[in-house]
Amino acid sequence: MKNKKKRIEELTLDLLRSRMDINTKFKGLYVFDTDSKEMDTSSISPYRADHNSIHLITEGEVNVKINLLEYTLRKNDLVLFTTNTIRHFGTVTPDCKATNLLFSNDYLLNSAIPSKTAEAYDYLTGIISPVSRLSEDQVDLFKGQLSVLALKMKDTRANKFYAEDILRHLFSAIIFEIGALYQSEVQPYVVSGSRKEYVVHQFLKLVMKKFKEERSVQAYADMLNITPKYLTTATRGLTGKTAGELIDEMLITEAKVLLNESGLPIAHIAESLNFSDQFVFSKFFKKHCGQNPSSYRRNT
């Protein structure tokens, strides 16, 4: 008999600060190391968080499901999480260690070069794999940057001149460095500056925020001041999928996560995804998955 599935928890920065005993006066920005015991979040998994995070695995292994996709994170793996990501941590080896950078959306948006920094992070976490294997040189660079950021956060207690500005620029440099890393991958999604790529980037950001309340391609096209035809042509050209398919894909992923990881009744899941009733939700789910929600839940 299967264990009763838990609701998807919410992990806030305040709760994490208390749990990890993180003491800093800089609200919304935290740098710290963790060991296997501190990385074990099985008691609250699966969960979402109210913050973004970047983690570099420096020793050992940890298994994690990110929006239902399973990964085994090993030494020198870099993983990115946004606020909308559902994560479910599993086995953590006793020797596992990580260096972590956590930051709120407000800190990201108010960074040294707000528009470019936020766009770099939103873009690479929105449409590509959240995990990347670093070379030893890249690891040394990333650890060095985090070390400088952590030291500066301590130093500003004694030297307050331009403290916030320096921190924000150091933070921005890390975000751009990671953006450069992901753009150097074999098959990256790169923002080259073309109109269509910019449109797709903005569309995906909107979908990630609004997919529960808005499923109309026309509505997203209106938000972007373009025609639905142009939007679909742009998304198909960059991702191989139409705008409608991308919206449906986000909904199905969320539905599967809720069915697989939470104990919510199917009617409640349908309501949380803004379907008019359970029947309409079940019909939508079966169309895309080949089985109804009840069957999917029984078989996972």
Protein backbone atom coordinates (compact mmCIF):
# COMPACT_ATOMS: atom_id res chain seq x y z
CA MET A 1 0.00 0.00 0.00
CA LYS A 2 1.35 3.39 -0.99
CA ASN A 3 2.13 5.99 1.64
CA LYS A 4 -0.24 8.90 1.81
CA LYS A 5 1.05 11.71 -0.36
CA LYS A 6 1.76 15.05 1.22
CA ARG A 7 0.66 18.50 0.19
CA ILE A 8 3.21 20.64 -1.58
CA GLU A 9 4.80 22.76 1.12
CA GLU A 10 6.04 26.36 0.90
CA LEU A 11 9.57 27.15 2.08
CA THR A 12 10.05 30.82 2.88
CA LEU A 13 13.30 32.69 3.25
CA ASP A 14 12.40 33.52 6.85
CA LEU A 15 11.85 29.85 7.69
CA LEU A 16 15.11 28.89 5.99
CA ARG A 17 17.04 31.58 7.85
CA SER A 18 15.72 30.24 11.13
CA ARG A 19 16.39 26.60 10.20
CA MET A 20 19.94 27.30 8.99
CA ASP A 21 20.69 29.96 11.62
CA ILE A 22 21.66 32.44 8.89
CA ASN A 23 22.51 35.81 10.40
CA THR A 24 22.77 38.71 7.96
CA LYS A 25 21.38 42.21 7.71
CA PHE A 26 21.06 42.03 3.93
CA LYS A 27 17.47 41.11 3.25
CA GLY A 28 16.92 38.90 0.25
CA LEU A 29 20.53 37.78 -0.38
CA TYR A 30 22.23 34.82 1.35
CA VAL A 31 25.42 32.85 0.71
CA PHE A 32 26.25 29.77 2.78
CA ASP A 33 27.55 26.19 2.68
CA THR A 34 25.53 23.10 3.63
CA ASP A 35 26.33 19.50 4.55
CA SER A 36 24.23 16.37 4.03
CA LYS A 37 22.14 16.85 7.18
CA GLU A 38 21.34 20.45 6.30
CA MET A 39 20.50 19.45 2.71
CA ASP A 40 18.01 16.80 3.80
CA THR A 41 14.61 18.41 3.20
CA SER A 42 12.67 15.15 3.01
CA SER A 43 10.49 16.31 5.91
CA ILE A 44 9.02 19.11 3.81
CA SER A 45 9.42 17.71 0.28
CA PRO A 46 7.84 18.28 -2.14
CA TYR A 47 7.93 22.05 -1.83
CA ARG A 48 8.00 25.39 -3.56
CA ALA A 49 9.96 28.35 -2.26
CA ASP A 50 9.34 32.08 -2.17
CA HIS A 51 12.88 32.72 -3.44
CA ASN A 52 15.35 31.81 -6.19
CA SER A 53 18.47 29.75 -5.58
CA ILE A 54 21.67 28.53 -7.21
CA HIS A 55 23.46 25.50 -5.76
CA LEU A 56 26.89 24.10 -6.55
CA ILE A 57 27.40 20.50 -5.41
CA THR A 58 30.98 20.31 -4.08
CA GLU A 59 30.97 16.73 -2.74
CA GLY A 60 28.77 13.62 -2.85
CA GLU A 61 25.40 13.14 -4.53
CA VAL A 62 21.76 14.12 -4.02
CA ASN A 63 18.68 12.91 -5.89
CA VAL A 64 16.01 15.47 -6.70
CA LYS A 65 12.87 15.72 -8.82
CA ILE A 66 12.41 19.13 -10.44
CA ASN A 67 8.87 19.54 -11.77
CA LEU A 68 8.67 15.72 -12.06
CA LEU A 69 11.98 15.30 -13.92
CA GLU A 70 14.52 13.26 -11.96
CA TYR A 71 18.15 14.31 -11.59
CA THR A 72 21.12 12.92 -9.70
CA LEU A 73 23.25 15.91 -8.74
CA ARG A 74 26.94 15.13 -8.36
CA LYS A 75 30.14 16.98 -7.58
CA ASN A 76 30.58 20.05 -9.84
CA ASP A 77 26.90 20.12 -10.85
CA LEU A 78 25.23 23.52 -10.79
CA VAL A 79 21.44 23.63 -10.34
CA LEU A 80 19.07 26.60 -10.60
CA PHE A 81 15.66 26.95 -8.93
CA THR A 82 13.11 29.70 -9.46
CA THR A 83 10.18 30.54 -7.19
CA ASN A 84 7.74 28.56 -9.35
CA THR A 85 9.80 25.35 -9.28
CA ILE A 86 8.46 22.33 -7.41
CA ARG A 87 11.33 20.32 -5.98
CA HIS A 88 11.31 16.97 -4.22
CA PHE A 89 14.60 15.95 -2.62
CA GLY A 90 15.33 12.29 -2.11
CA THR A 91 18.48 10.44 -1.08
CA VAL A 92 21.46 12.52 0.08
CA THR A 93 24.81 10.75 0.47
CA PRO A 94 26.52 11.30 3.86
CA ASP A 95 29.47 13.10 2.22
CA CYS A 96 27.28 15.52 0.24
CA LYS A 97 28.11 19.22 0.47
CA ALA A 98 27.01 22.31 -1.45
CA THR A 99 27.65 26.03 -1.74
CA ASN A 100 24.43 28.01 -2.06
CA LEU A 101 23.27 31.43 -3.25
CA LEU A 102 19.69 32.39 -2.36
CA PHE A 103 17.97 35.58 -3.40
CA SER A 104 14.48 37.02 -3.49
CA ASN A 105 12.71 38.31 -6.58
CA ASP A 106 12.94 41.82 -5.14
CA TYR A 107 16.72 41.57 -4.80
CA LEU A 108 17.00 40.27 -8.37
CA LEU A 109 14.88 43.09 -9.75
CA ASN A 110 16.78 45.72 -7.77
CA SER A 111 20.24 44.46 -8.70
CA ALA A 112 22.95 46.68 -10.13
CA ILE A 113 21.68 46.44 -13.71
CA PRO A 114 18.05 45.48 -13.05
CA SER A 115 16.63 44.80 -16.50
CA LYS A 116 19.60 42.90 -17.89
CA THR A 117 20.33 40.92 -14.73
CA ALA A 118 16.72 39.86 -14.18
CA GLU A 119 16.31 38.97 -17.84
CA ALA A 120 19.48 36.85 -17.86
CA TYR A 121 18.30 34.82 -14.87
CA ASP A 122 14.66 34.54 -15.94
CA TYR A 123 15.64 33.48 -19.43
CA LEU A 124 18.04 30.70 -18.59
CA THR A 125 15.88 29.23 -15.84
CA GLY A 126 12.69 29.50 -17.84
CA ILE A 127 13.33 27.36 -20.90
CA ILE A 128 16.43 25.24 -20.49
CA SER A 129 17.61 22.42 -18.24
CA PRO A 130 18.19 23.66 -14.67
CA VAL A 131 21.29 21.46 -14.24
CA SER A 132 24.74 21.95 -15.76
CA ARG A 133 28.05 20.14 -15.17
CA LEU A 134 30.95 22.56 -14.58
CA SER A 135 34.60 22.08 -15.43
CA GLU A 136 37.17 22.40 -12.64
CA ASP A 137 38.09 25.90 -13.89
CA GLN A 138 34.44 26.96 -13.90
CA VAL A 139 33.99 25.57 -10.39
CA ASP A 140 36.99 27.53 -9.14
CA LEU A 141 35.66 30.71 -10.73
CA PHE A 142 32.14 30.30 -9.34
CA LYS A 143 33.36 29.41 -5.84
CA GLY A 144 35.73 32.38 -5.94
CA GLN A 145 32.92 34.77 -6.89
CA LEU A 146 30.67 33.45 -4.13
CA SER A 147 33.52 33.72 -1.63
CA VAL A 148 34.10 37.38 -2.55
CA LEU A 149 30.37 38.07 -2.25
CA ALA A 150 30.21 36.41 1.18
CA LEU A 151 33.30 38.29 2.41
CA LYS A 152 31.90 41.60 1.22
CA MET A 153 28.63 40.95 3.06
CA LYS A 154 30.66 40.62 6.28
CA ASP A 155 33.00 43.52 5.47
CA THR A 156 30.19 46.03 5.02
CA ARG A 157 29.46 45.93 8.72
CA ALA A 158 32.70 47.86 9.18
CA ASN A 159 32.72 49.75 5.89
CA LYS A 160 29.34 51.11 4.84
CA PHE A 161 30.44 53.29 1.92
CA TYR A 162 28.80 52.04 -1.29
CA ALA A 163 28.21 48.69 0.44
CA GLU A 164 24.84 47.94 -1.16
CA ASP A 165 26.02 49.07 -4.60
CA ILE A 166 29.13 46.89 -4.47
CA LEU A 167 27.11 43.87 -3.36
CA ARG A 168 24.58 44.29 -6.14
CA HIS A 169 27.31 44.56 -8.77
CA LEU A 170 29.05 41.44 -7.42
CA PHE A 171 25.70 39.62 -7.48
CA SER A 172 25.01 40.78 -11.04
CA ALA A 173 28.44 39.55 -12.14
CA ILE A 174 27.58 36.06 -10.83
CA ILE A 175 24.24 36.02 -12.68
CA PHE A 176 25.91 37.09 -15.93
CA GLU A 177 28.67 34.52 -15.44
CA ILE A 178 26.08 31.77 -15.11
CA GLY A 179 24.22 33.13 -18.14
CA ALA A 180 27.45 32.95 -20.12
CA LEU A 181 27.98 29.39 -18.91
CA TYR A 182 24.57 28.21 -20.12
CA GLN A 183 24.91 30.01 -23.43
CA SER A 184 28.14 28.12 -24.07
CA GLU A 185 26.35 24.77 -23.88
CA VAL A 186 26.16 22.65 -27.05
CA GLN A 187 22.52 23.47 -27.79
CA PRO A 188 21.60 26.50 -25.71
CA TYR A 189 18.59 28.75 -25.98
CA VAL A 190 20.33 32.07 -26.52
CA VAL A 191 18.78 35.52 -26.63
CA SER A 192 20.54 36.98 -29.65
CA GLY A 193 18.55 40.18 -29.68
CA SER A 194 16.20 39.36 -32.55
CA ARG A 195 12.61 40.50 -32.26
CA LYS A 196 11.17 36.97 -32.35
CA GLU A 197 13.51 35.65 -29.67
CA TYR A 198 12.68 38.61 -27.44
CA VAL A 199 8.96 37.93 -27.93
CA VAL A 200 9.35 34.24 -27.03
CA HIS A 201 11.36 35.16 -23.94
CA GLN A 202 8.67 37.57 -22.75
CA PHE A 203 5.89 35.11 -23.59
CA LEU A 204 7.51 32.30 -21.56
CA LYS A 205 7.96 34.60 -18.59
CA LEU A 206 4.26 35.52 -18.77
CA VAL A 207 3.17 31.89 -19.09
CA MET A 208 5.20 30.88 -16.03
CA LYS A 209 3.38 33.54 -14.01
CA LYS A 210 -0.12 33.37 -15.48
CA PHE A 211 -0.73 29.87 -16.86
CA LYS A 212 -3.23 29.00 -14.12
CA GLU A 213 -5.44 31.99 -14.83
CA GLU A 214 -4.95 32.50 -18.56
CA ARG A 215 -4.82 29.84 -21.30
CA SER A 216 -5.72 31.89 -24.37
CA VAL A 217 -3.02 32.53 -26.98
CA GLN A 218 -4.95 35.66 -27.93
CA ALA A 219 -4.68 36.98 -24.37
CA TYR A 220 -0.90 36.55 -24.30
CA ALA A 221 -0.58 38.10 -27.75
CA ASP A 222 -2.59 41.10 -26.50
CA MET A 223 -0.28 41.45 -23.49
CA LEU A 224 2.69 41.54 -25.86
CA ASN A 225 0.96 43.83 -28.40
CA ILE A 226 1.37 41.33 -31.24
CA THR A 227 -0.92 39.03 -33.23
CA PRO A 228 -1.52 35.39 -32.18
CA LYS A 229 -0.12 34.29 -35.55
CA TYR A 230 3.16 36.15 -34.97
CA LEU A 231 3.43 34.72 -31.45
CA THR A 232 2.90 31.15 -32.64
CA THR A 233 5.36 31.58 -35.53
CA ALA A 234 7.97 32.90 -33.09
CA THR A 235 7.53 30.13 -30.53
CA ARG A 236 7.56 27.39 -33.17
CA GLY A 237 10.73 28.82 -34.69
CA LEU A 238 12.63 28.90 -31.38
CA THR A 239 11.21 25.95 -29.42
CA GLY A 240 9.57 23.75 -32.07
CA LYS A 241 6.21 24.16 -30.31
CA THR A 242 3.26 26.49 -30.82
CA ALA A 243 2.26 29.04 -28.19
CA GLY A 244 -0.81 26.95 -27.34
CA GLU A 245 1.28 23.80 -26.91
CA LEU A 246 3.62 25.60 -24.52
CA ILE A 247 0.70 26.84 -22.41
CA ASP A 248 -0.82 23.35 -22.30
CA GLU A 249 2.58 21.84 -21.46
CA MET A 250 2.91 24.10 -18.43
CA LEU A 251 -0.58 23.16 -17.25
CA ILE A 252 0.02 19.44 -17.70
CA THR A 253 3.32 19.61 -15.83
CA GLU A 254 1.64 21.39 -12.92
CA ALA A 255 -1.27 18.94 -12.96
CA LYS A 256 1.07 15.92 -12.93
CA VAL A 257 3.06 17.37 -10.06
CA LEU A 258 -0.10 17.96 -8.01
CA LEU A 259 -1.42 14.48 -8.79
CA ASN A 260 1.90 12.80 -8.14
CA GLU A 261 3.20 14.76 -5.16
CA SER A 262 0.18 16.07 -3.27
CA GLY A 263 -2.76 14.48 -1.52
CA LEU A 264 -5.27 16.94 -2.94
CA PRO A 265 -8.57 15.57 -4.29
CA ILE A 266 -8.79 15.77 -8.08
CA ALA A 267 -11.67 18.23 -7.81
CA HIS A 268 -9.46 20.56 -5.78
CA ILE A 269 -6.65 20.24 -8.30
CA ALA A 270 -9.05 21.12 -11.11
CA GLU A 271 -10.18 24.16 -9.12
CA SER A 272 -6.61 25.26 -8.34
CA LEU A 273 -5.82 25.19 -12.08
CA ASN A 274 -8.96 27.23 -12.83
CA PHE A 275 -10.88 24.57 -14.75
CA SER A 276 -14.64 25.04 -14.58
CA ASP A 277 -15.11 21.58 -13.07
CA GLN A 278 -13.47 18.19 -12.59
CA PHE A 279 -14.98 16.78 -15.79
CA VAL A 280 -13.45 19.51 -17.98
CA PHE A 281 -10.08 19.03 -16.27
CA SER A 282 -10.21 15.24 -16.72
CA LYS A 283 -11.06 15.63 -20.42
CA PHE A 284 -8.13 18.04 -20.89
CA PHE A 285 -5.74 15.76 -19.01
CA LYS A 286 -6.79 12.63 -20.93
CA LYS A 287 -6.40 14.42 -24.26
CA HIS A 288 -2.76 15.21 -23.49
CA CYS A 289 -1.76 12.18 -21.41
CA GLY A 290 -3.86 9.34 -22.77
CA GLN A 291 -5.41 8.54 -19.39
CA ASN A 292 -7.61 10.30 -16.88
CA PRO A 293 -6.20 11.90 -13.71
CA SER A 294 -7.35 9.05 -11.47
CA SER A 295 -5.56 6.43 -13.57
CA TYR A 296 -2.42 8.56 -13.72
CA ARG A 297 -2.41 8.94 -9.93
CA ARG A 298 -2.88 5.19 -9.39
CA ASN A 299 -0.05 4.32 -11.75
CA THR A 300 2.57 6.75 -10.35
